Amino acid sequence: MSVTVLLADDHQLVRTGFRVILEMEDDITVVGEAPDGGRAVEMALRLRPDVVLMDVEMPGVDGLEATRRISAAGGPSVLILTTFDRDDYLFAALRAGASGFLLKNGTPEALTEAVRVVAAGEALLAPAVTRRVIATFTTPGTTGVRLDQLTPREHEVLVLLAGGATNAEIATTLRLGETTVKTHVSRVLMKIGARDRTQAVVLAYELGVVRPGG
């Protein structure tokens, strides 16, 4: 099945470049282009693509606010793609509900793979920023989340999620079927109050379930 993508960037040349890269793949289709965050929100909720590829700095409503609005409305997954390797953008994007964060200096292969990963409900961070995410979010202060709500198996799933494992990898490690793993992941997200896998990873580090380098 084809993965559908909405492009949100205020530079038409950039949008055109992304469209060419993505539509070279047989399983990816670009269904629309938005020149600003306001249009991105409207089109995301109307067209319901699998993934919104979102720039950060745009006129009017920026990409971070657009991501918040799309997330709050239960819209599609958002993959942030920006030129600026800035911590404030990165952390704001995660808090806003983005499912992924990539830098524009990556390869076309990295972009197409990221779109597929996010469309499949996985979380994705550029390797260059992962360590900074872990370091920043390993501070005390998470409240309202009780790990004792998790079963032992769900706790194992959360640890593997925090390590970046896909559903298939979790299934192999725990010797479970992928359908069973998907059920466990859904229950973990619900119990810890995470919107998606990215937020589950953040919470796992905040709660001390896993530690940097551990």
N, C-alpha and C. Protein backbone atom coordinates (compact mmCIF):
# COMPACT_ATOMS: atom_id res chain seq x y z
N MET A 1 0.84 -1.20 0.00
CA MET A 1 0.00 0.00 0.00
C MET A 1 0.87 1.25 0.00
N SER A 2 0.38 2.30 -0.65
CA SER A 2 1.15 3.52 -0.76
C SER A 2 1.08 4.35 0.52
N VAL A 3 2.21 4.94 0.90
CA VAL A 3 2.26 5.88 2.01
C VAL A 3 1.98 7.27 1.45
N THR A 4 1.01 7.97 2.03
CA THR A 4 0.66 9.30 1.54
C THR A 4 1.30 10.36 2.42
N VAL A 5 1.80 11.42 1.76
CA VAL A 5 2.58 12.45 2.46
C VAL A 5 2.09 13.84 2.07
N LEU A 6 1.99 14.71 3.08
CA LEU A 6 1.74 16.13 2.85
C LEU A 6 3.03 16.89 3.14
N LEU A 7 3.45 17.75 2.21
CA LEU A 7 4.66 18.54 2.38
C LEU A 7 4.31 19.93 2.90
N ALA A 8 4.98 20.37 3.95
CA ALA A 8 4.75 21.70 4.50
C ALA A 8 6.08 22.43 4.61
N ASP A 9 6.30 23.38 3.72
CA ASP A 9 7.55 24.16 3.69
C ASP A 9 7.26 25.44 2.92
N ASP A 10 7.83 26.55 3.38
CA ASP A 10 7.51 27.82 2.73
C ASP A 10 8.33 28.08 1.47
N HIS A 11 9.26 27.21 1.14
CA HIS A 11 10.04 27.37 -0.08
C HIS A 11 9.58 26.35 -1.13
N GLN A 12 9.08 26.86 -2.24
CA GLN A 12 8.55 25.95 -3.26
C GLN A 12 9.63 25.05 -3.84
N LEU A 13 10.85 25.56 -3.99
CA LEU A 13 11.92 24.73 -4.53
C LEU A 13 12.22 23.56 -3.61
N VAL A 14 12.13 23.81 -2.31
CA VAL A 14 12.36 22.73 -1.34
C VAL A 14 11.24 21.69 -1.46
N ARG A 15 10.00 22.16 -1.52
CA ARG A 15 8.88 21.23 -1.65
C ARG A 15 9.01 20.40 -2.92
N THR A 16 9.40 21.05 -4.01
CA THR A 16 9.55 20.35 -5.28
C THR A 16 10.64 19.29 -5.16
N GLY A 17 11.73 19.64 -4.50
CA GLY A 17 12.82 18.67 -4.33
C GLY A 17 12.39 17.47 -3.53
N PHE A 18 11.65 17.71 -2.45
CA PHE A 18 11.17 16.61 -1.62
C PHE A 18 10.18 15.74 -2.41
N ARG A 19 9.32 16.40 -3.17
CA ARG A 19 8.33 15.65 -3.96
C ARG A 19 9.04 14.72 -4.94
N VAL A 20 10.06 15.23 -5.61
CA VAL A 20 10.80 14.41 -6.58
C VAL A 20 11.44 13.21 -5.90
N ILE A 21 12.07 13.46 -4.75
CA ILE A 21 12.72 12.36 -4.01
C ILE A 21 11.71 11.31 -3.57
N LEU A 22 10.61 11.77 -2.98
CA LEU A 22 9.62 10.84 -2.43
C LEU A 22 8.89 10.06 -3.53
N GLU A 23 8.54 10.74 -4.61
CA GLU A 23 7.74 10.08 -5.63
C GLU A 23 8.58 9.22 -6.57
N MET A 24 9.88 9.18 -6.36
CA MET A 24 10.71 8.19 -7.06
C MET A 24 10.48 6.80 -6.46
N GLU A 25 9.91 6.77 -5.26
CA GLU A 25 9.62 5.50 -4.60
C GLU A 25 8.23 5.02 -4.99
N ASP A 26 8.11 3.74 -5.30
CA ASP A 26 6.84 3.19 -5.76
C ASP A 26 5.76 3.22 -4.68
N ASP A 27 6.19 3.23 -3.41
CA ASP A 27 5.21 3.10 -2.32
C ASP A 27 4.92 4.41 -1.60
N ILE A 28 5.36 5.55 -2.15
CA ILE A 28 5.13 6.84 -1.51
C ILE A 28 4.46 7.79 -2.49
N THR A 29 3.40 8.46 -2.05
CA THR A 29 2.68 9.42 -2.89
C THR A 29 2.51 10.74 -2.14
N VAL A 30 2.87 11.84 -2.75
CA VAL A 30 2.65 13.17 -2.18
C VAL A 30 1.25 13.63 -2.56
N VAL A 31 0.43 13.91 -1.55
CA VAL A 31 -0.98 14.25 -1.82
C VAL A 31 -1.26 15.74 -1.73
N GLY A 32 -0.27 16.53 -1.31
CA GLY A 32 -0.49 17.96 -1.22
C GLY A 32 0.74 18.71 -0.74
N GLU A 33 0.71 20.04 -0.93
CA GLU A 33 1.81 20.90 -0.50
C GLU A 33 1.22 22.12 0.21
N ALA A 34 1.80 22.46 1.36
CA ALA A 34 1.35 23.63 2.12
C ALA A 34 2.51 24.60 2.28
N PRO A 35 2.29 25.91 2.01
CA PRO A 35 3.36 26.90 2.10
C PRO A 35 3.54 27.49 3.49
N ASP A 36 2.67 27.12 4.45
CA ASP A 36 2.77 27.66 5.81
C ASP A 36 2.06 26.73 6.77
N GLY A 37 2.25 26.96 8.07
CA GLY A 37 1.68 26.07 9.06
C GLY A 37 0.17 26.06 9.11
N GLY A 38 -0.44 27.21 8.89
CA GLY A 38 -1.89 27.27 8.89
C GLY A 38 -2.51 26.38 7.84
N ARG A 39 -1.96 26.47 6.62
CA ARG A 39 -2.45 25.62 5.54
C ARG A 39 -2.13 24.16 5.82
N ALA A 40 -0.98 23.91 6.47
CA ALA A 40 -0.60 22.53 6.77
C ALA A 40 -1.62 21.88 7.69
N VAL A 41 -2.07 22.62 8.71
CA VAL A 41 -3.08 22.08 9.63
C VAL A 41 -4.37 21.77 8.88
N GLU A 42 -4.83 22.75 8.10
CA GLU A 42 -6.09 22.57 7.37
C GLU A 42 -6.01 21.38 6.42
N MET A 43 -4.91 21.28 5.68
CA MET A 43 -4.77 20.20 4.70
C MET A 43 -4.56 18.85 5.37
N ALA A 44 -3.83 18.84 6.49
CA ALA A 44 -3.59 17.58 7.20
C ALA A 44 -4.89 16.98 7.71
N LEU A 45 -5.77 17.83 8.24
CA LEU A 45 -7.03 17.34 8.79
C LEU A 45 -8.05 17.03 7.69
N ARG A 46 -7.90 17.67 6.55
CA ARG A 46 -8.83 17.42 5.44
C ARG A 46 -8.39 16.22 4.60
N LEU A 47 -7.10 16.17 4.27
CA LEU A 47 -6.60 15.12 3.39
C LEU A 47 -6.25 13.83 4.13
N ARG A 48 -5.94 13.95 5.43
CA ARG A 48 -5.59 12.79 6.25
C ARG A 48 -4.48 11.94 5.64
N PRO A 49 -3.32 12.55 5.33
CA PRO A 49 -2.21 11.75 4.83
C PRO A 49 -1.66 10.87 5.95
N ASP A 50 -0.81 9.94 5.61
CA ASP A 50 -0.17 9.11 6.63
C ASP A 50 0.88 9.91 7.41
N VAL A 51 1.56 10.81 6.70
CA VAL A 51 2.65 11.58 7.30
C VAL A 51 2.61 13.02 6.81
N VAL A 52 2.83 13.97 7.73
CA VAL A 52 3.06 15.37 7.34
C VAL A 52 4.55 15.64 7.51
N LEU A 53 5.20 16.01 6.42
CA LEU A 53 6.61 16.37 6.46
C LEU A 53 6.67 17.87 6.71
N MET A 54 7.08 18.27 7.91
CA MET A 54 6.88 19.64 8.40
C MET A 54 8.19 20.40 8.61
N ASP A 55 8.30 21.55 7.97
CA ASP A 55 9.40 22.48 8.24
C ASP A 55 9.08 23.22 9.54
N VAL A 56 10.08 23.83 10.16
CA VAL A 56 9.86 24.55 11.41
C VAL A 56 9.58 26.03 11.15
N GLU A 57 10.49 26.71 10.48
CA GLU A 57 10.37 28.15 10.28
C GLU A 57 9.55 28.46 9.03
N MET A 58 8.30 28.88 9.27
CA MET A 58 7.40 29.27 8.19
C MET A 58 6.63 30.51 8.61
N PRO A 59 6.17 31.31 7.66
CA PRO A 59 5.43 32.53 8.01
C PRO A 59 4.08 32.21 8.63
N GLY A 60 3.58 33.15 9.46
CA GLY A 60 2.29 32.93 10.11
C GLY A 60 2.43 31.88 11.19
N VAL A 61 1.69 30.80 11.03
CA VAL A 61 1.78 29.67 11.97
C VAL A 61 3.02 28.86 11.64
N ASP A 62 3.95 28.75 12.60
CA ASP A 62 5.17 28.00 12.30
C ASP A 62 4.93 26.50 12.43
N GLY A 63 5.94 25.72 12.10
CA GLY A 63 5.79 24.28 12.08
C GLY A 63 5.54 23.66 13.44
N LEU A 64 6.09 24.25 14.49
CA LEU A 64 5.88 23.71 15.84
C LEU A 64 4.44 23.89 16.29
N GLU A 65 3.89 25.08 16.07
CA GLU A 65 2.49 25.33 16.43
C GLU A 65 1.57 24.47 15.56
N ALA A 66 1.91 24.33 14.28
CA ALA A 66 1.10 23.49 13.40
C ALA A 66 1.10 22.04 13.88
N THR A 67 2.26 21.58 14.34
CA THR A 67 2.35 20.22 14.87
C THR A 67 1.48 20.06 16.10
N ARG A 68 1.50 21.05 16.99
CA ARG A 68 0.65 21.00 18.18
C ARG A 68 -0.83 20.90 17.80
N ARG A 69 -1.24 21.70 16.83
CA ARG A 69 -2.64 21.71 16.42
C ARG A 69 -3.05 20.40 15.78
N ILE A 70 -2.19 19.86 14.94
CA ILE A 70 -2.48 18.58 14.28
C ILE A 70 -2.57 17.46 15.32
N SER A 71 -1.63 17.47 16.25
CA SER A 71 -1.61 16.44 17.31
C SER A 71 -2.85 16.54 18.19
N ALA A 72 -3.20 17.77 18.59
CA ALA A 72 -4.36 17.97 19.46
C ALA A 72 -5.66 17.54 18.79
N ALA A 73 -5.70 17.64 17.47
CA ALA A 73 -6.91 17.27 16.73
C ALA A 73 -6.94 15.80 16.35
N GLY A 74 -5.93 15.04 16.80
CA GLY A 74 -5.88 13.63 16.46
C GLY A 74 -5.54 13.39 15.00
N GLY A 75 -4.75 14.30 14.44
CA GLY A 75 -4.39 14.20 13.03
C GLY A 75 -3.28 13.22 12.76
N PRO A 76 -2.74 13.25 11.55
CA PRO A 76 -1.71 12.29 11.15
C PRO A 76 -0.37 12.52 11.86
N SER A 77 0.52 11.57 11.71
CA SER A 77 1.86 11.68 12.29
C SER A 77 2.64 12.80 11.60
N VAL A 78 3.45 13.50 12.39
CA VAL A 78 4.24 14.61 11.85
C VAL A 78 5.73 14.26 11.95
N LEU A 79 6.42 14.42 10.84
CA LEU A 79 7.87 14.25 10.78
C LEU A 79 8.49 15.63 10.55
N ILE A 80 9.18 16.15 11.54
CA ILE A 80 9.84 17.45 11.42
C ILE A 80 11.10 17.30 10.60
N LEU A 81 11.27 18.17 9.62
CA LEU A 81 12.47 18.17 8.79
C LEU A 81 12.96 19.60 8.70
N THR A 82 14.11 19.89 9.32
CA THR A 82 14.57 21.27 9.41
C THR A 82 16.05 21.41 9.10
N THR A 83 16.43 22.60 8.69
CA THR A 83 17.84 22.92 8.45
C THR A 83 18.56 23.18 9.76
N PHE A 84 17.80 23.58 10.79
CA PHE A 84 18.40 24.11 12.02
C PHE A 84 18.54 23.03 13.10
N ASP A 85 19.78 22.73 13.42
CA ASP A 85 20.09 21.74 14.45
C ASP A 85 20.09 22.44 15.80
N ARG A 86 18.89 22.78 16.26
CA ARG A 86 18.74 23.54 17.51
C ARG A 86 17.96 22.75 18.54
N ASP A 87 18.48 22.75 19.76
CA ASP A 87 17.83 21.99 20.82
C ASP A 87 16.42 22.48 21.09
N ASP A 88 16.22 23.81 21.05
CA ASP A 88 14.88 24.30 21.38
C ASP A 88 13.85 23.82 20.36
N TYR A 89 14.22 23.75 19.08
CA TYR A 89 13.31 23.23 18.07
C TYR A 89 13.05 21.74 18.31
N LEU A 90 14.11 21.00 18.57
CA LEU A 90 14.00 19.57 18.77
C LEU A 90 13.05 19.23 19.91
N PHE A 91 13.28 19.83 21.08
CA PHE A 91 12.49 19.49 22.25
C PHE A 91 11.06 20.02 22.14
N ALA A 92 10.91 21.19 21.53
CA ALA A 92 9.56 21.73 21.32
C ALA A 92 8.77 20.83 20.37
N ALA A 93 9.46 20.30 19.36
CA ALA A 93 8.79 19.41 18.41
C ALA A 93 8.30 18.14 19.10
N LEU A 94 9.13 17.58 19.97
CA LEU A 94 8.73 16.36 20.69
C LEU A 94 7.57 16.64 21.64
N ARG A 95 7.64 17.77 22.34
CA ARG A 95 6.56 18.13 23.24
C ARG A 95 5.26 18.39 22.48
N ALA A 96 5.40 18.89 21.24
CA ALA A 96 4.22 19.21 20.44
C ALA A 96 3.56 17.95 19.89
N GLY A 97 4.26 16.82 19.94
CA GLY A 97 3.67 15.58 19.47
C GLY A 97 4.25 15.04 18.19
N ALA A 98 5.38 15.59 17.73
CA ALA A 98 6.01 15.08 16.52
C ALA A 98 6.46 13.65 16.72
N SER A 99 6.34 12.84 15.68
CA SER A 99 6.75 11.44 15.74
C SER A 99 8.18 11.25 15.27
N GLY A 100 8.76 12.28 14.68
CA GLY A 100 10.13 12.17 14.19
C GLY A 100 10.76 13.52 13.99
N PHE A 101 12.10 13.54 13.96
CA PHE A 101 12.84 14.78 13.79
C PHE A 101 14.09 14.47 12.97
N LEU A 102 14.18 15.10 11.79
CA LEU A 102 15.32 14.89 10.90
C LEU A 102 15.90 16.24 10.49
N LEU A 103 17.18 16.22 10.13
CA LEU A 103 17.83 17.40 9.59
C LEU A 103 17.86 17.31 8.07
N LYS A 104 17.79 18.47 7.42
CA LYS A 104 17.73 18.50 5.96
C LYS A 104 19.04 18.13 5.29
N ASN A 105 20.11 17.98 6.05
CA ASN A 105 21.38 17.61 5.44
C ASN A 105 21.54 16.10 5.30
N GLY A 106 20.46 15.36 5.56
CA GLY A 106 20.50 13.92 5.42
C GLY A 106 20.41 13.49 3.96
N THR A 107 20.48 12.19 3.73
CA THR A 107 20.43 11.64 2.38
C THR A 107 18.99 11.40 1.94
N PRO A 108 18.75 11.34 0.63
CA PRO A 108 17.40 10.99 0.16
C PRO A 108 16.93 9.65 0.71
N GLU A 109 17.85 8.70 0.84
CA GLU A 109 17.50 7.39 1.38
C GLU A 109 17.01 7.50 2.82
N ALA A 110 17.68 8.36 3.60
CA ALA A 110 17.27 8.55 4.99
C ALA A 110 15.88 9.17 5.07
N LEU A 111 15.58 10.08 4.16
CA LEU A 111 14.27 10.73 4.14
C LEU A 111 13.16 9.74 3.82
N THR A 112 13.34 8.97 2.77
CA THR A 112 12.29 8.03 2.37
C THR A 112 12.09 6.95 3.45
N GLU A 113 13.18 6.50 4.05
CA GLU A 113 13.05 5.50 5.11
C GLU A 113 12.34 6.09 6.33
N ALA A 114 12.65 7.35 6.66
CA ALA A 114 12.01 8.01 7.79
C ALA A 114 10.51 8.12 7.57
N VAL A 115 10.10 8.45 6.37
CA VAL A 115 8.67 8.55 6.06
C VAL A 115 7.99 7.21 6.28
N ARG A 116 8.63 6.14 5.82
CA ARG A 116 8.04 4.81 5.99
C ARG A 116 7.95 4.42 7.47
N VAL A 117 9.00 4.73 8.22
CA VAL A 117 9.05 4.38 9.65
C VAL A 117 7.93 5.10 10.41
N VAL A 118 7.81 6.40 10.17
CA VAL A 118 6.79 7.19 10.88
C VAL A 118 5.38 6.76 10.44
N ALA A 119 5.21 6.47 9.16
CA ALA A 119 3.90 6.02 8.67
C ALA A 119 3.48 4.70 9.32
N ALA A 120 4.48 3.89 9.70
CA ALA A 120 4.19 2.60 10.33
C ALA A 120 3.92 2.73 11.82
N GLY A 121 3.94 3.97 12.32
CA GLY A 121 3.65 4.19 13.73
C GLY A 121 4.86 4.12 14.63
N GLU A 122 6.05 4.10 14.02
CA GLU A 122 7.27 4.06 14.81
C GLU A 122 7.75 5.49 15.07
N ALA A 123 8.71 5.61 16.00
CA ALA A 123 9.32 6.91 16.27
C ALA A 123 10.69 6.96 15.62
N LEU A 124 11.13 8.15 15.24
CA LEU A 124 12.42 8.26 14.59
C LEU A 124 13.07 9.59 14.93
N LEU A 125 14.33 9.52 15.33
CA LEU A 125 15.13 10.71 15.57
C LEU A 125 16.42 10.61 14.77
N ALA A 126 16.88 11.74 14.25
CA ALA A 126 18.17 11.76 13.58
C ALA A 126 19.24 11.30 14.56
N PRO A 127 20.16 10.42 14.14
CA PRO A 127 21.20 9.94 15.06
C PRO A 127 21.97 11.07 15.75
N ALA A 128 22.15 12.17 15.05
CA ALA A 128 22.94 13.28 15.60
C ALA A 128 22.29 13.93 16.81
N VAL A 129 20.98 13.77 16.96
CA VAL A 129 20.29 14.47 18.06
C VAL A 129 19.82 13.53 19.17
N THR A 130 19.91 12.23 18.96
CA THR A 130 19.37 11.28 19.94
C THR A 130 20.02 11.44 21.30
N ARG A 131 21.35 11.54 21.34
CA ARG A 131 22.04 11.65 22.62
C ARG A 131 21.60 12.90 23.38
N ARG A 132 21.36 14.00 22.67
CA ARG A 132 20.93 15.23 23.34
C ARG A 132 19.53 15.09 23.91
N VAL A 133 18.67 14.35 23.20
CA VAL A 133 17.32 14.11 23.72
C VAL A 133 17.41 13.34 25.03
N ILE A 134 18.20 12.29 25.03
CA ILE A 134 18.33 11.46 26.24
C ILE A 134 18.88 12.29 27.39
N ALA A 135 19.92 13.07 27.14
CA ALA A 135 20.54 13.85 28.21
C ALA A 135 19.57 14.88 28.78
N THR A 136 18.78 15.48 27.93
CA THR A 136 17.88 16.53 28.37
C THR A 136 16.69 15.98 29.15
N PHE A 137 16.18 14.83 28.72
CA PHE A 137 14.98 14.32 29.35
C PHE A 137 15.24 13.38 30.52
N THR A 138 16.51 13.16 30.89
CA THR A 138 16.80 12.32 32.05
C THR A 138 16.90 13.16 33.31
N THR A 139 15.88 13.97 33.54
CA THR A 139 15.82 14.78 34.75
C THR A 139 14.55 14.44 35.50
N PRO A 140 14.60 14.48 36.82
CA PRO A 140 13.39 14.14 37.59
C PRO A 140 12.29 15.17 37.37
N GLY A 141 11.08 14.77 37.65
CA GLY A 141 9.98 15.73 37.56
C GLY A 141 8.75 15.18 36.87
N THR A 142 8.86 13.97 36.28
CA THR A 142 7.68 13.39 35.67
C THR A 142 6.68 12.98 36.74
N THR A 143 5.47 13.45 36.62
CA THR A 143 4.45 13.13 37.62
C THR A 143 3.24 12.51 36.95
N GLY A 144 2.45 11.81 37.74
CA GLY A 144 1.20 11.26 37.23
C GLY A 144 1.36 9.97 36.45
N VAL A 145 2.56 9.42 36.37
CA VAL A 145 2.78 8.17 35.66
C VAL A 145 3.25 7.13 36.67
N ARG A 146 2.52 6.03 36.75
CA ARG A 146 2.87 4.97 37.71
C ARG A 146 3.31 3.73 36.94
N LEU A 147 4.58 3.36 37.12
CA LEU A 147 5.09 2.18 36.44
C LEU A 147 4.47 0.90 36.96
N ASP A 148 3.94 0.93 38.19
CA ASP A 148 3.36 -0.30 38.73
C ASP A 148 2.06 -0.69 38.01
N GLN A 149 1.60 0.19 37.12
CA GLN A 149 0.44 -0.16 36.30
C GLN A 149 0.83 -1.12 35.18
N LEU A 150 2.11 -1.18 34.87
CA LEU A 150 2.58 -2.04 33.79
C LEU A 150 2.77 -3.47 34.29
N THR A 151 2.39 -4.43 33.47
CA THR A 151 2.71 -5.82 33.77
C THR A 151 4.20 -6.05 33.52
N PRO A 152 4.77 -7.13 34.03
CA PRO A 152 6.19 -7.41 33.75
C PRO A 152 6.50 -7.44 32.25
N ARG A 153 5.61 -8.03 31.48
CA ARG A 153 5.83 -8.08 30.03
C ARG A 153 5.78 -6.69 29.42
N GLU A 154 4.85 -5.86 29.85
CA GLU A 154 4.75 -4.49 29.33
C GLU A 154 5.99 -3.69 29.71
N HIS A 155 6.53 -3.95 30.90
CA HIS A 155 7.76 -3.27 31.31
C HIS A 155 8.90 -3.66 30.38
N GLU A 156 8.98 -4.94 30.02
CA GLU A 156 10.01 -5.39 29.07
C GLU A 156 9.85 -4.69 27.73
N VAL A 157 8.62 -4.57 27.29
CA VAL A 157 8.34 -3.91 26.01
C VAL A 157 8.77 -2.44 26.07
N LEU A 158 8.49 -1.76 27.18
CA LEU A 158 8.87 -0.36 27.32
C LEU A 158 10.39 -0.19 27.28
N VAL A 159 11.12 -1.09 27.94
CA VAL A 159 12.59 -1.03 27.92
C VAL A 159 13.11 -1.18 26.49
N LEU A 160 12.54 -2.11 25.75
CA LEU A 160 12.98 -2.32 24.36
C LEU A 160 12.59 -1.14 23.48
N LEU A 161 11.39 -0.59 23.71
CA LEU A 161 10.98 0.61 22.98
C LEU A 161 11.98 1.73 23.19
N ALA A 162 12.39 1.93 24.44
CA ALA A 162 13.31 3.01 24.78
C ALA A 162 14.66 2.81 24.12
N GLY A 163 14.97 1.56 23.81
CA GLY A 163 16.22 1.27 23.12
C GLY A 163 16.13 1.41 21.62
N GLY A 164 14.94 1.80 21.14
CA GLY A 164 14.77 2.04 19.71
C GLY A 164 14.34 0.83 18.90
N ALA A 165 13.93 -0.25 19.59
CA ALA A 165 13.54 -1.46 18.88
C ALA A 165 12.22 -1.29 18.14
N THR A 166 12.12 -1.87 16.95
CA THR A 166 10.87 -1.90 16.21
C THR A 166 9.99 -3.03 16.75
N ASN A 167 8.75 -3.08 16.30
CA ASN A 167 7.86 -4.15 16.73
C ASN A 167 8.43 -5.52 16.35
N ALA A 168 9.00 -5.61 15.16
CA ALA A 168 9.57 -6.88 14.71
C ALA A 168 10.74 -7.30 15.60
N GLU A 169 11.57 -6.33 15.97
CA GLU A 169 12.71 -6.64 16.83
C GLU A 169 12.26 -7.04 18.23
N ILE A 170 11.22 -6.36 18.74
CA ILE A 170 10.68 -6.72 20.05
C ILE A 170 10.11 -8.14 20.00
N ALA A 171 9.42 -8.45 18.91
CA ALA A 171 8.84 -9.79 18.76
C ALA A 171 9.92 -10.86 18.78
N THR A 172 11.02 -10.60 18.09
CA THR A 172 12.12 -11.56 18.05
C THR A 172 12.76 -11.72 19.43
N THR A 173 13.02 -10.59 20.09
CA THR A 173 13.67 -10.62 21.40
C THR A 173 12.83 -11.35 22.45
N LEU A 174 11.53 -11.07 22.45
CA LEU A 174 10.65 -11.64 23.46
C LEU A 174 9.96 -12.93 23.01
N ARG A 175 10.25 -13.33 21.76
CA ARG A 175 9.66 -14.54 21.20
C ARG A 175 8.13 -14.47 21.21
N LEU A 176 7.64 -13.37 20.69
CA LEU A 176 6.20 -13.15 20.59
C LEU A 176 5.83 -12.88 19.13
N GLY A 177 4.55 -13.00 18.83
CA GLY A 177 4.08 -12.61 17.52
C GLY A 177 3.98 -11.10 17.42
N GLU A 178 4.10 -10.55 16.19
CA GLU A 178 4.06 -9.10 16.03
C GLU A 178 2.70 -8.54 16.43
N THR A 179 1.63 -9.29 16.20
CA THR A 179 0.30 -8.82 16.61
C THR A 179 0.24 -8.66 18.12
N THR A 180 0.81 -9.62 18.83
CA THR A 180 0.84 -9.54 20.30
C THR A 180 1.68 -8.35 20.75
N VAL A 181 2.80 -8.11 20.07
CA VAL A 181 3.65 -6.98 20.42
C VAL A 181 2.90 -5.67 20.22
N LYS A 182 2.18 -5.55 19.11
CA LYS A 182 1.41 -4.33 18.86
C LYS A 182 0.40 -4.08 19.98
N THR A 183 -0.21 -5.15 20.46
CA THR A 183 -1.17 -5.01 21.57
C THR A 183 -0.46 -4.51 22.82
N HIS A 184 0.69 -5.10 23.13
CA HIS A 184 1.46 -4.67 24.30
C HIS A 184 1.88 -3.21 24.17
N VAL A 185 2.36 -2.82 23.00
CA VAL A 185 2.80 -1.44 22.79
C VAL A 185 1.63 -0.48 23.01
N SER A 186 0.47 -0.82 22.47
CA SER A 186 -0.70 0.04 22.64
C SER A 186 -1.07 0.20 24.10
N ARG A 187 -1.00 -0.90 24.85
CA ARG A 187 -1.32 -0.83 26.28
C ARG A 187 -0.30 -0.02 27.06
N VAL A 188 0.98 -0.16 26.70
CA VAL A 188 2.03 0.62 27.35
C VAL A 188 1.80 2.11 27.12
N LEU A 189 1.53 2.49 25.87
CA LEU A 189 1.30 3.89 25.55
C LEU A 189 0.11 4.44 26.33
N MET A 190 -0.95 3.65 26.41
CA MET A 190 -2.15 4.10 27.12
C MET A 190 -1.86 4.27 28.62
N LYS A 191 -1.17 3.32 29.21
CA LYS A 191 -0.95 3.34 30.66
C LYS A 191 -0.01 4.46 31.10
N ILE A 192 0.98 4.78 30.26
CA ILE A 192 1.92 5.85 30.65
C ILE A 192 1.52 7.20 30.08
N GLY A 193 0.43 7.24 29.32
CA GLY A 193 -0.08 8.50 28.80
C GLY A 193 0.75 9.09 27.68
N ALA A 194 1.36 8.22 26.88
CA ALA A 194 2.18 8.68 25.75
C ALA A 194 1.36 8.63 24.47
N ARG A 195 1.47 9.69 23.67
CA ARG A 195 0.71 9.74 22.41
C ARG A 195 1.28 8.76 21.39
N ASP A 196 2.60 8.62 21.38
CA ASP A 196 3.23 7.74 20.41
C ASP A 196 4.54 7.21 20.97
N ARG A 197 5.29 6.52 20.15
CA ARG A 197 6.51 5.86 20.61
C ARG A 197 7.59 6.86 21.00
N THR A 198 7.63 8.00 20.32
CA THR A 198 8.63 9.01 20.68
C THR A 198 8.43 9.47 22.11
N GLN A 199 7.19 9.79 22.47
CA GLN A 199 6.92 10.24 23.83
C GLN A 199 7.13 9.12 24.84
N ALA A 200 6.90 7.87 24.43
CA ALA A 200 7.16 6.75 25.32
C ALA A 200 8.65 6.64 25.65
N VAL A 201 9.49 6.89 24.65
CA VAL A 201 10.95 6.86 24.87
C VAL A 201 11.35 7.96 25.86
N VAL A 202 10.81 9.16 25.63
CA VAL A 202 11.11 10.28 26.52
C VAL A 202 10.71 9.94 27.95
N LEU A 203 9.50 9.42 28.13
CA LEU A 203 9.02 9.09 29.47
C LEU A 203 9.84 7.97 30.11
N ALA A 204 10.29 7.03 29.30
CA ALA A 204 11.09 5.93 29.84
C ALA A 204 12.37 6.45 30.47
N TYR A 205 12.98 7.44 29.83
CA TYR A 205 14.20 8.02 30.39
C TYR A 205 13.88 8.91 31.59
N GLU A 206 12.79 9.66 31.51
CA GLU A 206 12.41 10.51 32.64
C GLU A 206 12.13 9.69 33.89
N LEU A 207 11.52 8.52 33.68
CA LEU A 207 11.12 7.68 34.81
C LEU A 207 12.24 6.77 35.30
N GLY A 208 13.38 6.80 34.60
CA GLY A 208 14.50 5.97 35.02
C GLY A 208 14.37 4.51 34.65
N VAL A 209 13.44 4.20 33.75
CA VAL A 209 13.30 2.81 33.28
C VAL A 209 14.58 2.35 32.60
N VAL A 210 15.15 3.27 31.83
CA VAL A 210 16.46 3.05 31.22
C VAL A 210 17.29 4.30 31.44
N ARG A 211 18.58 4.15 31.33
CA ARG A 211 19.48 5.28 31.55
C ARG A 211 20.46 5.41 30.41
N PRO A 212 20.98 6.61 30.16
CA PRO A 212 21.94 6.79 29.07
C PRO A 212 23.09 5.80 29.18
N GLY A 213 23.34 5.12 28.08
CA GLY A 213 24.44 4.17 28.06
C GLY A 213 24.11 2.86 28.71
N GLY A 214 22.87 2.75 29.27
CA GLY A 214 22.50 1.52 29.97
C GLY A 214 21.77 0.55 29.09
